[in-house]
Amino acid sequence: MITPELLARINELARKKRTIGLTEEELAEQKELYKIYLAAIRGQVTSLLDSIEFVDAEAD
């Protein structure tokens, strides 16, 4: 699940990476946070696609 805290930490690490760089631990944390974020996005997309119902207008 994507929480405000998760997004805040991802953004914080991204800013730090651009400015002063990250330690090995922070790089590992960033990689893990990205995995969590992407898994949540994929789950949302899959859920949305599973809920789509195709209707054939000519099948009446």
PDB file of N, CA and C in Angstrom:
ATOM      1  N   MET A   1       0.838  -1.172   0.000  1.00  0.00           N
ATOM      2  CA  MET A   1       0.000   0.000   0.000  1.00  0.00           C
ATOM      3  C   MET A   1       0.894   1.250   0.000  1.00  0.00           C
ATOM      4  N   ILE A   2       0.476   2.206  -0.773  1.00  0.00           N
ATOM      5  CA  ILE A   2       1.245   3.444  -0.888  1.00  0.00           C
ATOM      6  C   ILE A   2       0.743   4.420   0.173  1.00  0.00           C
ATOM      7  N   THR A   3       1.591   4.714   1.131  1.00  0.00           N
ATOM      8  CA  THR A   3       1.234   5.635   2.209  1.00  0.00           C
ATOM      9  C   THR A   3       1.938   6.969   1.991  1.00  0.00           C
ATOM     10  N   PRO A   4       1.435   8.011   2.609  1.00  0.00           N
ATOM     11  CA  PRO A   4       2.135   9.302   2.516  1.00  0.00           C
ATOM     12  C   PRO A   4       3.567   9.217   3.056  1.00  0.00           C
ATOM     13  N   GLU A   5       3.769   8.398   4.080  1.00  0.00           N
ATOM     14  CA  GLU A   5       5.105   8.240   4.647  1.00  0.00           C
ATOM     15  C   GLU A   5       6.054   7.579   3.646  1.00  0.00           C
ATOM     16  N   LEU A   6       5.543   6.583   2.930  1.00  0.00           N
ATOM     17  CA  LEU A   6       6.344   5.899   1.914  1.00  0.00           C
ATOM     18  C   LEU A   6       6.763   6.883   0.827  1.00  0.00           C
ATOM     19  N   LEU A   7       5.813   7.653   0.331  1.00  0.00           N
ATOM     20  CA  LEU A   7       6.119   8.637  -0.705  1.00  0.00           C
ATOM     21  C   LEU A   7       7.091   9.701  -0.210  1.00  0.00           C
ATOM     22  N   ALA A   8       6.896  10.132   1.022  1.00  0.00           N
ATOM     23  CA  ALA A   8       7.789  11.148   1.584  1.00  0.00           C
ATOM     24  C   ALA A   8       9.215  10.623   1.674  1.00  0.00           C
ATOM     25  N   ARG A   9       9.370   9.375   2.111  1.00  0.00           N
ATOM     26  CA  ARG A   9      10.722   8.809   2.231  1.00  0.00           C
ATOM     27  C   ARG A   9      11.352   8.605   0.855  1.00  0.00           C
ATOM     28  N   ILE A  10      10.583   8.141  -0.114  1.00  0.00           N
ATOM     29  CA  ILE A  10      11.096   7.981  -1.477  1.00  0.00           C
ATOM     30  C   ILE A  10      11.580   9.327  -2.013  1.00  0.00           C
ATOM     31  N   ASN A  11      10.765  10.365  -1.826  1.00  0.00           N
ATOM     32  CA  ASN A  11      11.131  11.704  -2.303  1.00  0.00           C
ATOM     33  C   ASN A  11      12.344  12.247  -1.562  1.00  0.00           C
ATOM     34  N   GLU A  12      12.410  11.991  -0.265  1.00  0.00           N
ATOM     35  CA  GLU A  12      13.550  12.453   0.526  1.00  0.00           C
ATOM     36  C   GLU A  12      14.848  11.814   0.033  1.00  0.00           C
ATOM     37  N   LEU A  13      14.814  10.510  -0.207  1.00  0.00           N
ATOM     38  CA  LEU A  13      16.010   9.828  -0.696  1.00  0.00           C
ATOM     39  C   LEU A  13      16.373  10.293  -2.108  1.00  0.00           C
ATOM     40  N   ALA A  14      15.378  10.549  -2.934  1.00  0.00           N
ATOM     41  CA  ALA A  14      15.646  11.012  -4.301  1.00  0.00           C
ATOM     42  C   ALA A  14      16.322  12.386  -4.284  1.00  0.00           C
ATOM     43  N   ARG A  15      15.836  13.276  -3.414  1.00  0.00           N
ATOM     44  CA  ARG A  15      16.457  14.599  -3.297  1.00  0.00           C
ATOM     45  C   ARG A  15      17.894  14.488  -2.794  1.00  0.00           C
ATOM     46  N   LYS A  16      18.080  13.644  -1.794  1.00  0.00           N
ATOM     47  CA  LYS A  16      19.417  13.485  -1.228  1.00  0.00           C
ATOM     48  C   LYS A  16      20.378  12.880  -2.256  1.00  0.00           C
ATOM     49  N   LYS A  17      19.873  11.943  -3.064  1.00  0.00           N
ATOM     50  CA  LYS A  17      20.703  11.315  -4.095  1.00  0.00           C
ATOM     51  C   LYS A  17      21.168  12.357  -5.105  1.00  0.00           C
ATOM     52  N   ARG A  18      20.291  13.290  -5.468  1.00  0.00           N
ATOM     53  CA  ARG A  18      20.644  14.326  -6.436  1.00  0.00           C
ATOM     54  C   ARG A  18      21.629  15.342  -5.872  1.00  0.00           C
ATOM     55  N   THR A  19      21.559  15.582  -4.574  1.00  0.00           N
ATOM     56  CA  THR A  19      22.392  16.632  -3.990  1.00  0.00           C
ATOM     57  C   THR A  19      23.720  16.106  -3.455  1.00  0.00           C
ATOM     58  N   ILE A  20      23.669  15.290  -2.418  1.00  0.00           N
ATOM     59  CA  ILE A  20      24.927  14.868  -1.779  1.00  0.00           C
ATOM     60  C   ILE A  20      25.238  13.394  -1.954  1.00  0.00           C
ATOM     61  N   GLY A  21      24.308  12.643  -2.497  1.00  0.00           N
ATOM     62  CA  GLY A  21      24.536  11.221  -2.689  1.00  0.00           C
ATOM     63  C   GLY A  21      24.013  10.401  -1.520  1.00  0.00           C
ATOM     64  N   LEU A  22      23.930   9.098  -1.734  1.00  0.00           N
ATOM     65  CA  LEU A  22      23.395   8.198  -0.729  1.00  0.00           C
ATOM     66  C   LEU A  22      24.457   7.208  -0.268  1.00  0.00           C
ATOM     67  N   THR A  23      24.311   6.753   0.961  1.00  0.00           N
ATOM     68  CA  THR A  23      25.179   5.697   1.469  1.00  0.00           C
ATOM     69  C   THR A  23      24.693   4.362   0.903  1.00  0.00           C
ATOM     70  N   GLU A  24      25.472   3.324   1.106  1.00  0.00           N
ATOM     71  CA  GLU A  24      25.075   1.987   0.633  1.00  0.00           C
ATOM     72  C   GLU A  24      23.760   1.550   1.275  1.00  0.00           C
ATOM     73  N   GLU A  25      23.589   1.854   2.567  1.00  0.00           N
ATOM     74  CA  GLU A  25      22.352   1.489   3.261  1.00  0.00           C
ATOM     75  C   GLU A  25      21.157   2.236   2.678  1.00  0.00           C
ATOM     76  N   GLU A  26      21.348   3.510   2.380  1.00  0.00           N
ATOM     77  CA  GLU A  26      20.267   4.311   1.811  1.00  0.00           C
ATOM     78  C   GLU A  26      19.932   3.845   0.393  1.00  0.00           C
ATOM     79  N   LEU A  27      20.942   3.455  -0.370  1.00  0.00           N
ATOM     80  CA  LEU A  27      20.677   2.922  -1.710  1.00  0.00           C
ATOM     81  C   LEU A  27      19.849   1.646  -1.629  1.00  0.00           C
ATOM     82  N   ALA A  28      20.195   0.782  -0.669  1.00  0.00           N
ATOM     83  CA  ALA A  28      19.440  -0.458  -0.485  1.00  0.00           C
ATOM     84  C   ALA A  28      18.007  -0.152  -0.050  1.00  0.00           C
ATOM     85  N   GLU A  29      17.846   0.825   0.853  1.00  0.00           N
ATOM     86  CA  GLU A  29      16.512   1.218   1.300  1.00  0.00           C
ATOM     87  C   GLU A  29      15.706   1.782   0.139  1.00  0.00           C
ATOM     88  N   GLN A  30      16.329   2.620  -0.674  1.00  0.00           N
ATOM     89  CA  GLN A  30      15.650   3.213  -1.818  1.00  0.00           C
ATOM     90  C   GLN A  30      15.188   2.125  -2.787  1.00  0.00           C
ATOM     91  N   LYS A  31      16.038   1.165  -3.036  1.00  0.00           N
ATOM     92  CA  LYS A  31      15.683   0.071  -3.941  1.00  0.00           C
ATOM     93  C   LYS A  31      14.480  -0.712  -3.403  1.00  0.00           C
ATOM     94  N   GLU A  32      14.477  -0.986  -2.107  1.00  0.00           N
ATOM     95  CA  GLU A  32      13.365  -1.715  -1.492  1.00  0.00           C
ATOM     96  C   GLU A  32      12.079  -0.892  -1.535  1.00  0.00           C
ATOM     97  N   LEU A  33      12.179   0.414  -1.276  1.00  0.00           N
ATOM     98  CA  LEU A  33      10.993   1.275  -1.324  1.00  0.00           C
ATOM     99  C   LEU A  33      10.418   1.335  -2.737  1.00  0.00           C
ATOM    100  N   TYR A  34      11.293   1.402  -3.735  1.00  0.00           N
ATOM    101  CA  TYR A  34      10.825   1.393  -5.124  1.00  0.00           C
ATOM    102  C   TYR A  34      10.100   0.089  -5.445  1.00  0.00           C
ATOM    103  N   LYS A  35      10.608  -1.037  -4.940  1.00  0.00           N
ATOM    104  CA  LYS A  35       9.949  -2.328  -5.162  1.00  0.00           C
ATOM    105  C   LYS A  35       8.546  -2.327  -4.578  1.00  0.00           C
ATOM    106  N   ILE A  36       8.412  -1.804  -3.354  1.00  0.00           N
ATOM    107  CA  ILE A  36       7.103  -1.729  -2.700  1.00  0.00           C
ATOM    108  C   ILE A  36       6.160  -0.828  -3.497  1.00  0.00           C
ATOM    109  N   TYR A  37       6.664   0.324  -3.912  1.00  0.00           N
ATOM    110  CA  TYR A  37       5.858   1.283  -4.662  1.00  0.00           C
ATOM    111  C   TYR A  37       5.383   0.690  -5.992  1.00  0.00           C
ATOM    112  N   LEU A  38       6.298   0.095  -6.726  1.00  0.00           N
ATOM    113  CA  LEU A  38       5.937  -0.469  -8.030  1.00  0.00           C
ATOM    114  C   LEU A  38       4.979  -1.648  -7.894  1.00  0.00           C
ATOM    115  N   ALA A  39       5.153  -2.460  -6.862  1.00  0.00           N
ATOM    116  CA  ALA A  39       4.233  -3.574  -6.632  1.00  0.00           C
ATOM    117  C   ALA A  39       2.823  -3.048  -6.355  1.00  0.00           C
ATOM    118  N   ALA A  40       2.724  -1.975  -5.600  1.00  0.00           N
ATOM    119  CA  ALA A  40       1.418  -1.381  -5.310  1.00  0.00           C
ATOM    120  C   ALA A  40       0.772  -0.823  -6.575  1.00  0.00           C
ATOM    121  N   ILE A  41       1.560  -0.152  -7.398  1.00  0.00           N
ATOM    122  CA  ILE A  41       1.030   0.395  -8.656  1.00  0.00           C
ATOM    123  C   ILE A  41       0.574  -0.740  -9.565  1.00  0.00           C
ATOM    124  N   ARG A  42       1.384  -1.772  -9.683  1.00  0.00           N
ATOM    125  CA  ARG A  42       0.991  -2.928 -10.517  1.00  0.00           C
ATOM    126  C   ARG A  42      -0.293  -3.563 -10.002  1.00  0.00           C
ATOM    127  N   GLY A  43      -0.418  -3.658  -8.687  1.00  0.00           N
ATOM    128  CA  GLY A  43      -1.640  -4.214  -8.101  1.00  0.00           C
ATOM    129  C   GLY A  43      -2.856  -3.370  -8.432  1.00  0.00           C
ATOM    130  N   GLN A  44      -2.708  -2.052  -8.381  1.00  0.00           N
ATOM    131  CA  GLN A  44      -3.816  -1.164  -8.711  1.00  0.00           C
ATOM    132  C   GLN A  44      -4.225  -1.307 -10.169  1.00  0.00           C
ATOM    133  N   VAL A  45      -3.240  -1.392 -11.057  1.00  0.00           N
ATOM    134  CA  VAL A  45      -3.535  -1.522 -12.484  1.00  0.00           C
ATOM    135  C   VAL A  45      -4.205  -2.869 -12.757  1.00  0.00           C
ATOM    136  N   THR A  46      -3.689  -3.923 -12.154  1.00  0.00           N
ATOM    137  CA  THR A  46      -4.274  -5.252 -12.335  1.00  0.00           C
ATOM    138  C   THR A  46      -5.716  -5.281 -11.835  1.00  0.00           C
ATOM    139  N   SER A  47      -5.938  -4.689 -10.679  1.00  0.00           N
ATOM    140  CA  SER A  47      -7.292  -4.626 -10.123  1.00  0.00           C
ATOM    141  C   SER A  47      -8.234  -3.863 -11.052  1.00  0.00           C
ATOM    142  N   LEU A  48      -7.757  -2.763 -11.577  1.00  0.00           N
ATOM    143  CA  LEU A  48      -8.571  -1.971 -12.498  1.00  0.00           C
ATOM    144  C   LEU A  48      -8.896  -2.767 -13.757  1.00  0.00           C
ATOM    145  N   LEU A  49      -7.885  -3.422 -14.313  1.00  0.00           N
ATOM    146  CA  LEU A  49      -8.114  -4.203 -15.534  1.00  0.00           C
ATOM    147  C   LEU A  49      -9.037  -5.386 -15.284  1.00  0.00           C
ATOM    148  N   ASP A  50      -8.951  -5.986 -14.112  1.00  0.00           N
ATOM    149  CA  ASP A  50      -9.828  -7.108 -13.775  1.00  0.00           C
ATOM    150  C   ASP A  50     -11.282  -6.672 -13.636  1.00  0.00           C
ATOM    151  N   SER A  51     -11.506  -5.404 -13.322  1.00  0.00           N
ATOM    152  CA  SER A  51     -12.870  -4.929 -13.119  1.00  0.00           C
ATOM    153  C   SER A  51     -13.520  -4.429 -14.411  1.00  0.00           C
ATOM    154  N   ILE A  52     -12.758  -4.396 -15.488  1.00  0.00           N
ATOM    155  CA  ILE A  52     -13.306  -3.921 -16.762  1.00  0.00           C
ATOM    156  C   ILE A  52     -14.176  -5.015 -17.373  1.00  0.00           C
ATOM    157  N   GLU A  53     -15.355  -4.606 -17.802  1.00  0.00           N
ATOM    158  CA  GLU A  53     -16.274  -5.548 -18.448  1.00  0.00           C
ATOM    159  C   GLU A  53     -16.519  -5.081 -19.873  1.00  0.00           C
ATOM    160  N   PHE A  54     -16.238  -5.950 -20.818  1.00  0.00           N
ATOM    161  CA  PHE A  54     -16.441  -5.616 -22.222  1.00  0.00           C
ATOM    162  C   PHE A  54     -17.896  -5.908 -22.585  1.00  0.00           C
ATOM    163  N   VAL A  55     -18.497  -4.990 -23.289  1.00  0.00           N
ATOM    164  CA  VAL A  55     -19.869  -5.129 -23.720  1.00  0.00           C
ATOM    165  C   VAL A  55     -19.910  -5.089 -25.230  1.00  0.00           C
ATOM    166  N   ASP A  56     -20.471  -6.101 -25.830  1.00  0.00           N
ATOM    167  CA  ASP A  56     -20.590  -6.159 -27.286  1.00  0.00           C
ATOM    168  C   ASP A  56     -21.934  -5.591 -27.677  1.00  0.00           C
ATOM    169  N   ALA A  57     -21.931  -4.445 -28.305  1.00  0.00           N
ATOM    170  CA  ALA A  57     -23.174  -3.771 -28.674  1.00  0.00           C
ATOM    171  C   ALA A  57     -23.961  -4.561 -29.719  1.00  0.00           C
ATOM    172  N   GLU A  58     -23.295  -5.363 -30.508  1.00  0.00           N
ATOM    173  CA  GLU A  58     -23.968  -6.119 -31.566  1.00  0.00           C
ATOM    174  C   GLU A  58     -24.558  -7.432 -31.058  1.00  0.00           C
ATOM    175  N   ALA A  59     -24.313  -7.802 -29.829  1.00  0.00           N
ATOM    176  CA  ALA A  59     -24.768  -9.076 -29.286  1.00  0.00           C
ATOM    177  C   ALA A  59     -26.200  -8.994 -28.754  1.00  0.00           C
ATOM    178  N   ASP A  60     -26.857  -7.865 -28.922  1.00  0.00           N
ATOM    179  CA  ASP A  60     -28.233  -7.708 -28.410  1.00  0.00           C
ATOM    180  C   ASP A  60     -29.098  -8.638 -29.119  1.00  0.00           C
TER     181      ASP A  60
END
